[in-house]
Amino acid sequence: MGEYNIAIVGATGLVGQEFIRVLVQRSFPMKSIRLLASDRSAGRKMTVNQQEHEVMETAAESFEGIDIALFSAGAEISRYFAPLAAQAGAVVIDNSAAWRMEPNVPLVVPEVNPEDIEWHSGIIANPNCSTIQMVVALYPLHKVNPIKRIVASTYQSVSGTGSAAMEELNTQSKQVLEGQATIPHVYPHQIAFNVLPEIDVFLDDGYTREEWKMEQETRKIMHAGEIAVSATCVRVPVYIGHSEAVWVEFSSPMMPDDAERILVEAPGVKILDDNAISLYPHPWMAANTDDVFVGRIRRDTSHPNGLVMWIVADNLRKGAALNAIQIAEEMVQRDWIKPREVAK
């Protein structure tokens, strides 16, 4: 197996930093790494594998000699630079929403549709964080008993918005506890000790774009355009880790024990489900881990073919950086990418 020249666009952001950690922790075969960001971060020093690297401003020529470019710098940056990186010969794995619903761009969760990687044309899209953890948990069940309908309510951490949101939660929490007034900047309302049913912008039908993403991306990833999906996405005062309450209607009845037996064997899934000892997933324990955790699997008393479950994952890892690097690992393992010469 060869070694690969890696570029990270948005290297100083939360997901960019997680890219670095995951690459090192999983011993990805790196020949070189190039850290890219905006002009504001250019010149900053970051450590990778005990070696110091200088962050460079992202430019058209940044991708010369690069094999794999990991993007997490927002949709606008991805729309401009991802095609340039692909033209330079890199395979782009993009964490933004820019390319996800483009018909000629694979949208991939390796536990679900790794074969889609093969038909990329230089760009592969990483799905939305809340979509990733849901399909990892539901797809193994769908293969056994096709899903007809999904209703999801999400409880999403502030790290999904970025480091400024995490700092705002920290600041506001101190202010509230000290009896001071808060002034929101990142969110439209105070996030400390509060929940906000608004993630991304509102659309004309009353849903938010985040909710629309879950609907559309689930169908594309699972190759199941007939599944009905409805979501309500809520921002909660949690630093890391997204949680989801999910109602699933199958084609025929499925017992909770049967679902658990399937999920115990499913890749990337870990079951935590014992009511007697209050064993269930929660974001505090899921932070800094790689699995998608599932618990509270039970019958949906409102539908004979339904189950309800609780799904939790670290949104910065499996919901972003880890999933992208697993896509790169699939390309390497399946010999779908060849390393080039050393990056300049």
C-alpha atoms as a PDB file:
ATOM      1  CA  MET A   1       0.000   0.000   0.000  1.00  0.00           C
ATOM      2  CA  GLY A   2       1.356   3.417  -0.957  1.00  0.00           C
ATOM      3  CA  GLU A   3       1.329   6.669   0.947  1.00  0.00           C
ATOM      4  CA  TYR A   4      -0.771   9.666   0.006  1.00  0.00           C
ATOM      5  CA  ASN A   5      -0.360  13.421  -0.170  1.00  0.00           C
ATOM      6  CA  ILE A   6      -3.180  14.984   1.871  1.00  0.00           C
ATOM      7  CA  ALA A   7      -4.538  18.528   1.907  1.00  0.00           C
ATOM      8  CA  ILE A   8      -6.972  19.818   4.526  1.00  0.00           C
ATOM      9  CA  VAL A   9      -9.003  22.899   3.617  1.00  0.00           C
ATOM     10  CA  GLY A  10     -10.323  24.575   6.758  1.00  0.00           C
ATOM     11  CA  ALA A  11      -7.554  23.010   8.848  1.00  0.00           C
ATOM     12  CA  THR A  12      -7.940  25.437  11.761  1.00  0.00           C
ATOM     13  CA  GLY A  13     -11.680  24.860  12.240  1.00  0.00           C
ATOM     14  CA  LEU A  14     -13.263  22.298  14.566  1.00  0.00           C
ATOM     15  CA  VAL A  15     -13.710  19.673  11.844  1.00  0.00           C
ATOM     16  CA  GLY A  16     -10.337  20.488  10.282  1.00  0.00           C
ATOM     17  CA  GLN A  17      -8.620  19.840  13.592  1.00  0.00           C
ATOM     18  CA  GLU A  18     -10.625  16.634  13.936  1.00  0.00           C
ATOM     19  CA  PHE A  19      -9.441  15.575  10.454  1.00  0.00           C
ATOM     20  CA  ILE A  20      -5.873  15.791  11.744  1.00  0.00           C
ATOM     21  CA  ARG A  21      -6.607  13.841  14.927  1.00  0.00           C
ATOM     22  CA  VAL A  22      -8.446  11.070  13.088  1.00  0.00           C
ATOM     23  CA  LEU A  23      -5.794  10.725  10.381  1.00  0.00           C
ATOM     24  CA  VAL A  24      -3.118  10.288  13.049  1.00  0.00           C
ATOM     25  CA  GLN A  25      -5.182   8.031  15.332  1.00  0.00           C
ATOM     26  CA  ARG A  26      -6.108   5.697  12.473  1.00  0.00           C
ATOM     27  CA  SER A  27      -2.552   5.694  11.044  1.00  0.00           C
ATOM     28  CA  PHE A  28      -3.755   6.768   7.614  1.00  0.00           C
ATOM     29  CA  PRO A  29      -0.905   6.264   5.113  1.00  0.00           C
ATOM     30  CA  MET A  30       0.201   9.876   4.703  1.00  0.00           C
ATOM     31  CA  LYS A  31       3.273  10.816   2.720  1.00  0.00           C
ATOM     32  CA  SER A  32       2.712  14.532   3.294  1.00  0.00           C
ATOM     33  CA  ILE A  33       0.059  16.858   4.658  1.00  0.00           C
ATOM     34  CA  ARG A  34      -0.754  20.410   3.564  1.00  0.00           C
ATOM     35  CA  LEU A  35      -2.815  22.569   5.929  1.00  0.00           C
ATOM     36  CA  LEU A  36      -4.946  25.211   4.228  1.00  0.00           C
ATOM     37  CA  ALA A  37      -7.278  27.877   5.545  1.00  0.00           C
ATOM     38  CA  SER A  38      -8.336  31.483   5.011  1.00  0.00           C
ATOM     39  CA  ASP A  39      -5.886  34.380   4.883  1.00  0.00           C
ATOM     40  CA  ARG A  40      -6.766  35.126   8.522  1.00  0.00           C
ATOM     41  CA  SER A  41      -5.250  31.822   9.638  1.00  0.00           C
ATOM     42  CA  ALA A  42      -2.303  31.735   7.220  1.00  0.00           C
ATOM     43  CA  GLY A  43       0.996  31.511   9.072  1.00  0.00           C
ATOM     44  CA  ARG A  44      -0.443  29.737  12.093  1.00  0.00           C
ATOM     45  CA  LYS A  45       1.562  26.711  13.242  1.00  0.00           C
ATOM     46  CA  MET A  46      -0.135  23.349  13.850  1.00  0.00           C
ATOM     47  CA  THR A  47       1.332  20.025  14.929  1.00  0.00           C
ATOM     48  CA  VAL A  48       0.734  16.809  13.009  1.00  0.00           C
ATOM     49  CA  ASN A  49       2.435  13.610  14.142  1.00  0.00           C
ATOM     50  CA  GLN A  50       4.784  15.623  16.366  1.00  0.00           C
ATOM     51  CA  GLN A  51       5.888  17.750  13.417  1.00  0.00           C
ATOM     52  CA  GLU A  52       5.084  21.434  13.101  1.00  0.00           C
ATOM     53  CA  HIS A  53       3.335  22.589   9.924  1.00  0.00           C
ATOM     54  CA  GLU A  54       2.533  26.103   8.795  1.00  0.00           C
ATOM     55  CA  VAL A  55      -1.012  26.832   7.675  1.00  0.00           C
ATOM     56  CA  MET A  56      -1.143  28.304   4.167  1.00  0.00           C
ATOM     57  CA  GLU A  57      -3.836  30.392   2.532  1.00  0.00           C
ATOM     58  CA  THR A  58      -6.031  28.327   0.208  1.00  0.00           C
ATOM     59  CA  ALA A  59      -5.311  29.171  -3.425  1.00  0.00           C
ATOM     60  CA  ALA A  60      -5.831  27.643  -6.853  1.00  0.00           C
ATOM     61  CA  GLU A  61      -2.297  26.233  -6.844  1.00  0.00           C
ATOM     62  CA  SER A  62      -2.665  24.688  -3.373  1.00  0.00           C
ATOM     63  CA  PHE A  63      -3.584  21.276  -4.767  1.00  0.00           C
ATOM     64  CA  GLU A  64      -0.625  20.522  -6.997  1.00  0.00           C
ATOM     65  CA  GLY A  65       0.597  16.997  -6.224  1.00  0.00           C
ATOM     66  CA  ILE A  66      -2.251  16.329  -3.781  1.00  0.00           C
ATOM     67  CA  ASP A  67      -3.959  12.919  -3.817  1.00  0.00           C
ATOM     68  CA  ILE A  68      -6.805  13.523  -1.356  1.00  0.00           C
ATOM     69  CA  ALA A  69      -8.233  16.912  -0.369  1.00  0.00           C
ATOM     70  CA  LEU A  70     -10.422  17.009   2.728  1.00  0.00           C
ATOM     71  CA  PHE A  71     -12.662  20.083   2.732  1.00  0.00           C
ATOM     72  CA  SER A  72     -14.475  21.616   5.693  1.00  0.00           C
ATOM     73  CA  ALA A  73     -14.519  25.348   5.087  1.00  0.00           C
ATOM     74  CA  GLY A  74     -18.138  26.016   4.109  1.00  0.00           C
ATOM     75  CA  ALA A  75     -20.162  25.667   0.930  1.00  0.00           C
ATOM     76  CA  GLU A  76     -18.917  28.827  -0.752  1.00  0.00           C
ATOM     77  CA  ILE A  77     -15.260  27.799  -0.448  1.00  0.00           C
ATOM     78  CA  SER A  78     -16.077  24.267  -1.579  1.00  0.00           C
ATOM     79  CA  ARG A  79     -17.996  25.419  -4.647  1.00  0.00           C
ATOM     80  CA  TYR A  80     -15.010  27.485  -5.766  1.00  0.00           C
ATOM     81  CA  PHE A  81     -12.004  25.393  -4.774  1.00  0.00           C
ATOM     82  CA  ALA A  82     -13.256  21.779  -4.964  1.00  0.00           C
ATOM     83  CA  PRO A  83     -13.450  21.772  -8.805  1.00  0.00           C
ATOM     84  CA  LEU A  84      -9.966  23.317  -8.934  1.00  0.00           C
ATOM     85  CA  ALA A  85      -8.625  20.605  -6.642  1.00  0.00           C
ATOM     86  CA  ALA A  86     -10.269  17.904  -8.749  1.00  0.00           C
ATOM     87  CA  GLN A  87      -8.843  19.423 -11.937  1.00  0.00           C
ATOM     88  CA  ALA A  88      -5.396  19.289 -10.319  1.00  0.00           C
ATOM     89  CA  GLY A  89      -5.855  15.534  -9.868  1.00  0.00           C
ATOM     90  CA  ALA A  90      -6.943  15.333  -6.235  1.00  0.00           C
ATOM     91  CA  VAL A  91      -9.967  13.419  -5.026  1.00  0.00           C
ATOM     92  CA  VAL A  92     -12.028  15.876  -2.972  1.00  0.00           C
ATOM     93  CA  ILE A  93     -14.029  14.679   0.024  1.00  0.00           C
ATOM     94  CA  ASP A  94     -16.198  17.654   0.913  1.00  0.00           C
ATOM     95  CA  ASN A  95     -17.914  18.125   4.257  1.00  0.00           C
ATOM     96  CA  SER A  96     -20.103  21.064   3.179  1.00  0.00           C
ATOM     97  CA  ALA A  97     -23.582  20.981   1.677  1.00  0.00           C
ATOM     98  CA  ALA A  98     -22.321  22.327  -1.657  1.00  0.00           C
ATOM     99  CA  TRP A  99     -22.275  19.060  -3.623  1.00  0.00           C
ATOM    100  CA  ARG A 100     -24.430  16.622  -1.673  1.00  0.00           C
ATOM    101  CA  MET A 101     -27.489  16.645  -3.902  1.00  0.00           C
ATOM    102  CA  GLU A 102     -25.665  16.971  -7.209  1.00  0.00           C
ATOM    103  CA  PRO A 103     -26.647  13.877  -9.228  1.00  0.00           C
ATOM    104  CA  ASN A 104     -23.094  13.264 -10.482  1.00  0.00           C
ATOM    105  CA  VAL A 105     -21.533  13.478  -6.981  1.00  0.00           C
ATOM    106  CA  PRO A 106     -21.643  10.433  -4.667  1.00  0.00           C
ATOM    107  CA  LEU A 107     -22.999  11.075  -1.176  1.00  0.00           C
ATOM    108  CA  VAL A 108     -21.387   8.398   0.947  1.00  0.00           C
ATOM    109  CA  VAL A 109     -21.586   6.752   4.340  1.00  0.00           C
ATOM    110  CA  PRO A 110     -19.144   3.817   4.128  1.00  0.00           C
ATOM    111  CA  GLU A 111     -21.276   1.507   6.297  1.00  0.00           C
ATOM    112  CA  VAL A 112     -24.186   2.041   3.888  1.00  0.00           C
ATOM    113  CA  ASN A 113     -23.136   2.754   0.280  1.00  0.00           C
ATOM    114  CA  PRO A 114     -19.360   2.408  -0.166  1.00  0.00           C
ATOM    115  CA  GLU A 115     -19.793   1.242  -3.766  1.00  0.00           C
ATOM    116  CA  ASP A 116     -20.964   4.734  -4.729  1.00  0.00           C
ATOM    117  CA  ILE A 117     -17.423   6.019  -4.177  1.00  0.00           C
ATOM    118  CA  GLU A 118     -16.268   4.321  -7.369  1.00  0.00           C
ATOM    119  CA  TRP A 119     -18.312   6.488  -9.746  1.00  0.00           C
ATOM    120  CA  HIS A 120     -17.025   9.843  -8.490  1.00  0.00           C
ATOM    121  CA  SER A 121     -15.719  12.426 -10.955  1.00  0.00           C
ATOM    122  CA  GLY A 122     -13.242  14.009  -8.568  1.00  0.00           C
ATOM    123  CA  ILE A 123     -15.629  15.094  -5.799  1.00  0.00           C
ATOM    124  CA  ILE A 124     -17.278  12.952  -3.107  1.00  0.00           C
ATOM    125  CA  ALA A 125     -19.741  14.523  -0.674  1.00  0.00           C
ATOM    126  CA  ASN A 126     -19.768  13.863   3.052  1.00  0.00           C
ATOM    127  CA  PRO A 127     -23.375  13.898   4.326  1.00  0.00           C
ATOM    128  CA  ASN A 128     -24.886  16.088   7.012  1.00  0.00           C
ATOM    129  CA  CYS A 129     -23.902  15.046  10.545  1.00  0.00           C
ATOM    130  CA  SER A 130     -27.423  14.256  11.698  1.00  0.00           C
ATOM    131  CA  THR A 131     -28.115  12.214   8.555  1.00  0.00           C
ATOM    132  CA  ILE A 132     -24.962  10.119   8.913  1.00  0.00           C
ATOM    133  CA  GLN A 133     -25.703   8.742  12.359  1.00  0.00           C
ATOM    134  CA  MET A 134     -29.328   8.021  11.487  1.00  0.00           C
ATOM    135  CA  VAL A 135     -28.627   6.033   8.324  1.00  0.00           C
ATOM    136  CA  VAL A 136     -25.813   4.050   9.992  1.00  0.00           C
ATOM    137  CA  ALA A 137     -28.393   2.840  12.522  1.00  0.00           C
ATOM    138  CA  LEU A 138     -31.333   2.383  10.150  1.00  0.00           C
ATOM    139  CA  TYR A 139     -29.787   0.889   7.021  1.00  0.00           C
ATOM    140  CA  PRO A 140     -29.064  -2.568   8.538  1.00  0.00           C
ATOM    141  CA  LEU A 141     -32.730  -2.777   9.522  1.00  0.00           C
ATOM    142  CA  HIS A 142     -33.874  -1.497   6.118  1.00  0.00           C
ATOM    143  CA  LYS A 143     -31.983  -4.309   4.367  1.00  0.00           C
ATOM    144  CA  VAL A 144     -33.974  -6.881   6.358  1.00  0.00           C
ATOM    145  CA  ASN A 145     -37.352  -5.125   6.502  1.00  0.00           C
ATOM    146  CA  PRO A 146     -37.708  -2.185   4.067  1.00  0.00           C
ATOM    147  CA  ILE A 147     -38.472   1.129   5.747  1.00  0.00           C
ATOM    148  CA  LYS A 148     -41.534   3.049   4.560  1.00  0.00           C
ATOM    149  CA  ARG A 149     -41.446   6.113   6.818  1.00  0.00           C
ATOM    150  CA  ILE A 150     -39.065   7.905   9.180  1.00  0.00           C
ATOM    151  CA  VAL A 151     -39.950  10.667  11.643  1.00  0.00           C
ATOM    152  CA  ALA A 152     -36.956  12.147  13.461  1.00  0.00           C
ATOM    153  CA  SER A 153     -36.506  14.750  16.176  1.00  0.00           C
ATOM    154  CA  THR A 154     -32.897  15.794  16.630  1.00  0.00           C
ATOM    155  CA  TYR A 155     -31.111  17.395  19.577  1.00  0.00           C
ATOM    156  CA  GLN A 156     -27.979  18.876  18.038  1.00  0.00           C
ATOM    157  CA  SER A 157     -24.946  20.244  19.858  1.00  0.00           C
ATOM    158  CA  VAL A 158     -23.529  23.717  19.332  1.00  0.00           C
ATOM    159  CA  SER A 159     -20.247  22.363  17.940  1.00  0.00           C
ATOM    160  CA  GLY A 160     -22.191  21.724  14.756  1.00  0.00           C
ATOM    161  CA  THR A 161     -22.184  25.500  14.293  1.00  0.00           C
ATOM    162  CA  GLY A 162     -18.504  25.941  15.099  1.00  0.00           C
ATOM    163  CA  SER A 163     -16.106  27.166  17.757  1.00  0.00           C
ATOM    164  CA  ALA A 164     -17.812  30.558  18.093  1.00  0.00           C
ATOM    165  CA  ALA A 165     -21.038  28.802  19.113  1.00  0.00           C
ATOM    166  CA  MET A 166     -19.224  26.710  21.703  1.00  0.00           C
ATOM    167  CA  GLU A 167     -17.709  29.865  23.171  1.00  0.00           C
ATOM    168  CA  GLU A 168     -21.109  31.589  23.169  1.00  0.00           C
ATOM    169  CA  LEU A 169     -22.635  28.706  25.121  1.00  0.00           C
ATOM    170  CA  ASN A 170     -19.768  28.913  27.604  1.00  0.00           C
ATOM    171  CA  THR A 171     -20.079  32.684  28.014  1.00  0.00           C
ATOM    172  CA  GLN A 172     -23.869  32.695  28.269  1.00  0.00           C
ATOM    173  CA  SER A 173     -23.895  29.850  30.803  1.00  0.00           C
ATOM    174  CA  LYS A 174     -21.617  31.850  33.100  1.00  0.00           C
ATOM    175  CA  GLN A 175     -23.730  34.965  32.613  1.00  0.00           C
ATOM    176  CA  VAL A 176     -26.983  33.190  33.455  1.00  0.00           C
ATOM    177  CA  LEU A 177     -25.507  31.540  36.548  1.00  0.00           C
ATOM    178  CA  GLU A 178     -24.243  34.923  37.708  1.00  0.00           C
ATOM    179  CA  GLY A 179     -27.624  36.555  37.107  1.00  0.00           C
ATOM    180  CA  GLN A 180     -26.442  38.660  34.165  1.00  0.00           C
ATOM    181  CA  ALA A 181     -28.271  39.354  30.897  1.00  0.00           C
ATOM    182  CA  THR A 182     -27.119  37.601  27.750  1.00  0.00           C
ATOM    183  CA  ILE A 183     -26.820  38.999  24.252  1.00  0.00           C
ATOM    184  CA  PRO A 184     -26.914  36.351  21.504  1.00  0.00           C
ATOM    185  CA  HIS A 185     -24.579  36.697  18.534  1.00  0.00           C
ATOM    186  CA  VAL A 186     -24.261  33.270  16.915  1.00  0.00           C
ATOM    187  CA  TYR A 187     -27.886  32.201  17.365  1.00  0.00           C
ATOM    188  CA  PRO A 188     -31.076  34.304  17.174  1.00  0.00           C
ATOM    189  CA  HIS A 189     -31.808  33.622  20.850  1.00  0.00           C
ATOM    190  CA  GLN A 190     -29.928  32.637  23.985  1.00  0.00           C
ATOM    191  CA  ILE A 191     -28.689  29.041  23.725  1.00  0.00           C
ATOM    192  CA  ALA A 192     -27.609  28.581  27.350  1.00  0.00           C
ATOM    193  CA  PHE A 193     -30.268  26.651  29.304  1.00  0.00           C
ATOM    194  CA  ASN A 194     -32.495  26.828  26.239  1.00  0.00           C
ATOM    195  CA  VAL A 195     -33.436  24.881  23.089  1.00  0.00           C
ATOM    196  CA  LEU A 196     -33.914  26.412  19.635  1.00  0.00           C
ATOM    197  CA  PRO A 197     -35.992  24.626  16.963  1.00  0.00           C
ATOM    198  CA  GLU A 198     -34.102  26.389  14.181  1.00  0.00           C
ATOM    199  CA  ILE A 199     -31.030  24.953  12.455  1.00  0.00           C
ATOM    200  CA  ASP A 200     -30.030  26.605   9.177  1.00  0.00           C
ATOM    201  CA  VAL A 201     -32.544  28.822   7.357  1.00  0.00           C
ATOM    202  CA  PHE A 202     -36.307  28.405   7.152  1.00  0.00           C
ATOM    203  CA  LEU A 203     -37.741  27.318   3.807  1.00  0.00           C
ATOM    204  CA  ASP A 204     -41.081  28.280   2.294  1.00  0.00           C
ATOM    205  CA  ASP A 205     -42.791  25.105   3.545  1.00  0.00           C
ATOM    206  CA  GLY A 206     -41.922  25.863   7.184  1.00  0.00           C
ATOM    207  CA  TYR A 207     -39.138  23.296   7.431  1.00  0.00           C
ATOM    208  CA  THR A 208     -35.528  24.367   7.911  1.00  0.00           C
ATOM    209  CA  ARG A 209     -32.771  23.521   5.455  1.00  0.00           C
ATOM    210  CA  GLU A 210     -31.275  21.140   8.040  1.00  0.00           C
ATOM    211  CA  GLU A 211     -34.555  19.229   8.114  1.00  0.00           C
ATOM    212  CA  TRP A 212     -34.673  19.226   4.308  1.00  0.00           C
ATOM    213  CA  LYS A 213     -31.122  17.829   4.241  1.00  0.00           C
ATOM    214  CA  MET A 214     -32.092  14.892   6.431  1.00  0.00           C
ATOM    215  CA  GLU A 215     -35.019  14.091   4.165  1.00  0.00           C
ATOM    216  CA  GLN A 216     -33.199  14.335   0.844  1.00  0.00           C
ATOM    217  CA  GLU A 217     -29.846  12.918   1.908  1.00  0.00           C
ATOM    218  CA  THR A 218     -31.369   9.850   3.579  1.00  0.00           C
ATOM    219  CA  ARG A 219     -33.071   8.844   0.358  1.00  0.00           C
ATOM    220  CA  LYS A 220     -29.959   9.387  -1.749  1.00  0.00           C
ATOM    221  CA  ILE A 221     -27.584   7.504   0.562  1.00  0.00           C
ATOM    222  CA  MET A 222     -29.915   4.549   1.065  1.00  0.00           C
ATOM    223  CA  HIS A 223     -30.992   4.454  -2.611  1.00  0.00           C
ATOM    224  CA  ALA A 224     -34.569   4.547  -1.390  1.00  0.00           C
ATOM    225  CA  GLY A 225     -36.415   7.423  -2.998  1.00  0.00           C
ATOM    226  CA  GLU A 226     -39.744   6.057  -1.816  1.00  0.00           C
ATOM    227  CA  ILE A 227     -39.070   6.476   1.924  1.00  0.00           C
ATOM    228  CA  ALA A 228     -41.145   9.225   3.525  1.00  0.00           C
ATOM    229  CA  VAL A 229     -38.984  11.318   5.868  1.00  0.00           C
ATOM    230  CA  SER A 230     -39.924  14.170   8.190  1.00  0.00           C
ATOM    231  CA  ALA A 231     -37.590  15.818  10.705  1.00  0.00           C
ATOM    232  CA  THR A 232     -37.594  18.498  13.374  1.00  0.00           C
ATOM    233  CA  CYS A 233     -34.060  19.678  14.127  1.00  0.00           C
ATOM    234  CA  VAL A 234     -33.353  21.405  17.419  1.00  0.00           C
ATOM    235  CA  ARG A 235     -30.199  23.082  18.751  1.00  0.00           C
ATOM    236  CA  VAL A 236     -29.538  22.227  22.390  1.00  0.00           C
ATOM    237  CA  PRO A 237     -27.009  23.535  24.952  1.00  0.00           C
ATOM    238  CA  VAL A 238     -24.611  20.599  24.547  1.00  0.00           C
ATOM    239  CA  TYR A 239     -21.009  21.070  23.432  1.00  0.00           C
ATOM    240  CA  ILE A 240     -20.411  17.871  21.425  1.00  0.00           C
ATOM    241  CA  GLY A 241     -22.728  15.057  20.350  1.00  0.00           C
ATOM    242  CA  HIS A 242     -25.997  14.932  18.434  1.00  0.00           C
ATOM    243  CA  SER A 243     -28.959  12.916  19.730  1.00  0.00           C
ATOM    244  CA  GLU A 244     -32.012  11.757  17.786  1.00  0.00           C
ATOM    245  CA  ALA A 245     -35.389  10.286  18.668  1.00  0.00           C
ATOM    246  CA  VAL A 246     -36.425   8.311  15.600  1.00  0.00           C
ATOM    247  CA  TRP A 247     -39.766   6.692  14.751  1.00  0.00           C
ATOM    248  CA  VAL A 248     -39.491   4.083  11.973  1.00  0.00           C
ATOM    249  CA  GLU A 249     -42.302   2.422  10.051  1.00  0.00           C
ATOM    250  CA  PHE A 250     -41.285  -0.838   8.364  1.00  0.00           C
ATOM    251  CA  SER A 251     -43.003  -2.821   5.619  1.00  0.00           C
ATOM    252  CA  SER A 252     -43.933  -5.476   8.151  1.00  0.00           C
ATOM    253  CA  PRO A 253     -43.772  -5.744  11.956  1.00  0.00           C
ATOM    254  CA  MET A 254     -40.348  -5.929  13.597  1.00  0.00           C
ATOM    255  CA  MET A 255     -39.817  -6.742  17.243  1.00  0.00           C
ATOM    256  CA  PRO A 256     -37.325  -4.729  19.313  1.00  0.00           C
ATOM    257  CA  ASP A 257     -35.301  -7.865  20.079  1.00  0.00           C
ATOM    258  CA  ASP A 258     -34.993  -8.630  16.370  1.00  0.00           C
ATOM    259  CA  ALA A 259     -33.814  -5.086  15.647  1.00  0.00           C
ATOM    260  CA  GLU A 260     -31.255  -5.310  18.428  1.00  0.00           C
ATOM    261  CA  ARG A 261     -29.893  -8.627  17.108  1.00  0.00           C
ATOM    262  CA  ILE A 262     -29.409  -7.035  13.692  1.00  0.00           C
ATOM    263  CA  LEU A 263     -27.779  -3.888  15.052  1.00  0.00           C
ATOM    264  CA  VAL A 264     -25.383  -5.788  17.331  1.00  0.00           C
ATOM    265  CA  GLU A 265     -23.775  -7.151  14.155  1.00  0.00           C
ATOM    266  CA  ALA A 266     -23.957  -3.883  12.196  1.00  0.00           C
ATOM    267  CA  PRO A 267     -20.700  -2.062  11.382  1.00  0.00           C
ATOM    268  CA  GLY A 268     -20.176   1.176  13.288  1.00  0.00           C
ATOM    269  CA  VAL A 269     -23.104   0.585  15.676  1.00  0.00           C
ATOM    270  CA  LYS A 270     -22.963  -0.037  19.407  1.00  0.00           C
ATOM    271  CA  ILE A 271     -26.050  -0.960  21.421  1.00  0.00           C
ATOM    272  CA  LEU A 272     -26.557   0.548  24.882  1.00  0.00           C
ATOM    273  CA  ASP A 273     -30.006  -0.548  25.974  1.00  0.00           C
ATOM    274  CA  ASP A 274     -30.811  -1.709  29.497  1.00  0.00           C
ATOM    275  CA  ASN A 275     -33.562   0.217  31.234  1.00  0.00           C
ATOM    276  CA  ALA A 276     -32.957  -1.588  34.524  1.00  0.00           C
ATOM    277  CA  ILE A 277     -29.653   0.218  35.000  1.00  0.00           C
ATOM    278  CA  SER A 278     -30.498   3.395  33.017  1.00  0.00           C
ATOM    279  CA  LEU A 279     -28.171   2.293  30.227  1.00  0.00           C
ATOM    280  CA  TYR A 280     -28.763   4.318  27.081  1.00  0.00           C
ATOM    281  CA  PRO A 281     -26.651   6.621  24.896  1.00  0.00           C
ATOM    282  CA  HIS A 282     -26.173  10.286  25.730  1.00  0.00           C
ATOM    283  CA  PRO A 283     -23.905  12.916  24.201  1.00  0.00           C
ATOM    284  CA  TRP A 284     -21.544  13.276  27.150  1.00  0.00           C
ATOM    285  CA  MET A 285     -20.428   9.644  26.837  1.00  0.00           C
ATOM    286  CA  ALA A 286     -20.481   9.659  23.032  1.00  0.00           C
ATOM    287  CA  ALA A 287     -18.089  12.608  22.685  1.00  0.00           C
ATOM    288  CA  ASN A 288     -14.651  11.668  21.320  1.00  0.00           C
ATOM    289  CA  THR A 289     -15.806   8.209  20.234  1.00  0.00           C
ATOM    290  CA  ASP A 290     -16.303   6.722  16.771  1.00  0.00           C
ATOM    291  CA  ASP A 291     -19.438   4.591  17.079  1.00  0.00           C
ATOM    292  CA  VAL A 292     -23.078   5.383  16.478  1.00  0.00           C
ATOM    293  CA  PHE A 293     -24.827   4.458  19.729  1.00  0.00           C
ATOM    294  CA  VAL A 294     -28.388   3.115  19.769  1.00  0.00           C
ATOM    295  CA  GLY A 295     -30.658   2.541  22.748  1.00  0.00           C
ATOM    296  CA  ARG A 296     -34.235   2.658  24.018  1.00  0.00           C
ATOM    297  CA  ILE A 297     -35.368   0.406  21.157  1.00  0.00           C
ATOM    298  CA  ARG A 298     -39.083  -0.178  21.643  1.00  0.00           C
ATOM    299  CA  ARG A 299     -42.352  -0.754  19.829  1.00  0.00           C
ATOM    300  CA  ASP A 300     -44.108   2.249  18.404  1.00  0.00           C
ATOM    301  CA  THR A 301     -47.455   2.030  20.133  1.00  0.00           C
ATOM    302  CA  SER A 302     -49.001   4.217  17.422  1.00  0.00           C
ATOM    303  CA  HIS A 303     -48.260   1.818  14.529  1.00  0.00           C
ATOM    304  CA  PRO A 304     -48.139  -2.010  14.277  1.00  0.00           C
ATOM    305  CA  ASN A 305     -45.095  -1.921  11.964  1.00  0.00           C
ATOM    306  CA  GLY A 306     -43.208   0.690  13.945  1.00  0.00           C
ATOM    307  CA  LEU A 307     -40.184   0.925  16.207  1.00  0.00           C
ATOM    308  CA  VAL A 308     -38.796   3.875  18.150  1.00  0.00           C
ATOM    309  CA  MET A 309     -35.139   4.303  19.044  1.00  0.00           C
ATOM    310  CA  TRP A 310     -32.630   6.798  20.417  1.00  0.00           C
ATOM    311  CA  ILE A 311     -29.463   7.419  18.374  1.00  0.00           C
ATOM    312  CA  VAL A 312     -26.397   9.372  19.549  1.00  0.00           C
ATOM    313  CA  ALA A 313     -22.999  10.100  17.987  1.00  0.00           C
ATOM    314  CA  ASP A 314     -20.111  12.556  18.121  1.00  0.00           C
ATOM    315  CA  ASN A 315     -21.007  15.009  15.354  1.00  0.00           C
ATOM    316  CA  LEU A 316     -17.400  16.132  14.835  1.00  0.00           C
ATOM    317  CA  ARG A 317     -16.114  12.584  14.410  1.00  0.00           C
ATOM    318  CA  LYS A 318     -18.619  10.177  12.844  1.00  0.00           C
ATOM    319  CA  GLY A 319     -20.781  13.110  11.819  1.00  0.00           C
ATOM    320  CA  ALA A 320     -17.934  14.760   9.907  1.00  0.00           C
ATOM    321  CA  ALA A 321     -14.192  13.994  10.057  1.00  0.00           C
ATOM    322  CA  LEU A 322     -14.267  10.250  10.699  1.00  0.00           C
ATOM    323  CA  ASN A 323     -16.831   9.574   7.973  1.00  0.00           C
ATOM    324  CA  ALA A 324     -14.731  11.513   5.444  1.00  0.00           C
ATOM    325  CA  ILE A 325     -11.572   9.628   6.349  1.00  0.00           C
ATOM    326  CA  GLN A 326     -13.430   6.312   6.214  1.00  0.00           C
ATOM    327  CA  ILE A 327     -14.329   7.240   2.626  1.00  0.00           C
ATOM    328  CA  ALA A 328     -10.620   7.780   1.925  1.00  0.00           C
ATOM    329  CA  GLU A 329      -9.807   4.458   3.594  1.00  0.00           C
ATOM    330  CA  GLU A 330     -12.342   2.680   1.379  1.00  0.00           C
ATOM    331  CA  MET A 331     -10.693   4.149  -1.715  1.00  0.00           C
ATOM    332  CA  VAL A 332      -7.293   2.955  -0.540  1.00  0.00           C
ATOM    333  CA  GLN A 333      -8.459  -0.517   0.522  1.00  0.00           C
ATOM    334  CA  ARG A 334     -10.377  -1.086  -2.712  1.00  0.00           C
ATOM    335  CA  ASP A 335      -7.479   0.240  -4.808  1.00  0.00           C
ATOM    336  CA  TRP A 336      -9.641   3.030  -6.238  1.00  0.00           C
ATOM    337  CA  ILE A 337      -6.925   5.653  -5.790  1.00  0.00           C
ATOM    338  CA  LYS A 338      -3.207   5.600  -6.570  1.00  0.00           C
ATOM    339  CA  PRO A 339      -0.639   7.784  -4.798  1.00  0.00           C
ATOM    340  CA  ARG A 340       1.226  10.333  -6.900  1.00  0.00           C
ATOM    341  CA  GLU A 341       4.606  11.963  -6.558  1.00  0.00           C
ATOM    342  CA  VAL A 342       5.569  13.900  -3.431  1.00  0.00           C
ATOM    343  CA  ALA A 343       3.608  17.132  -3.065  1.00  0.00           C
ATOM    344  CA  LYS A 344       5.626  20.252  -3.731  1.00  0.00           C
END
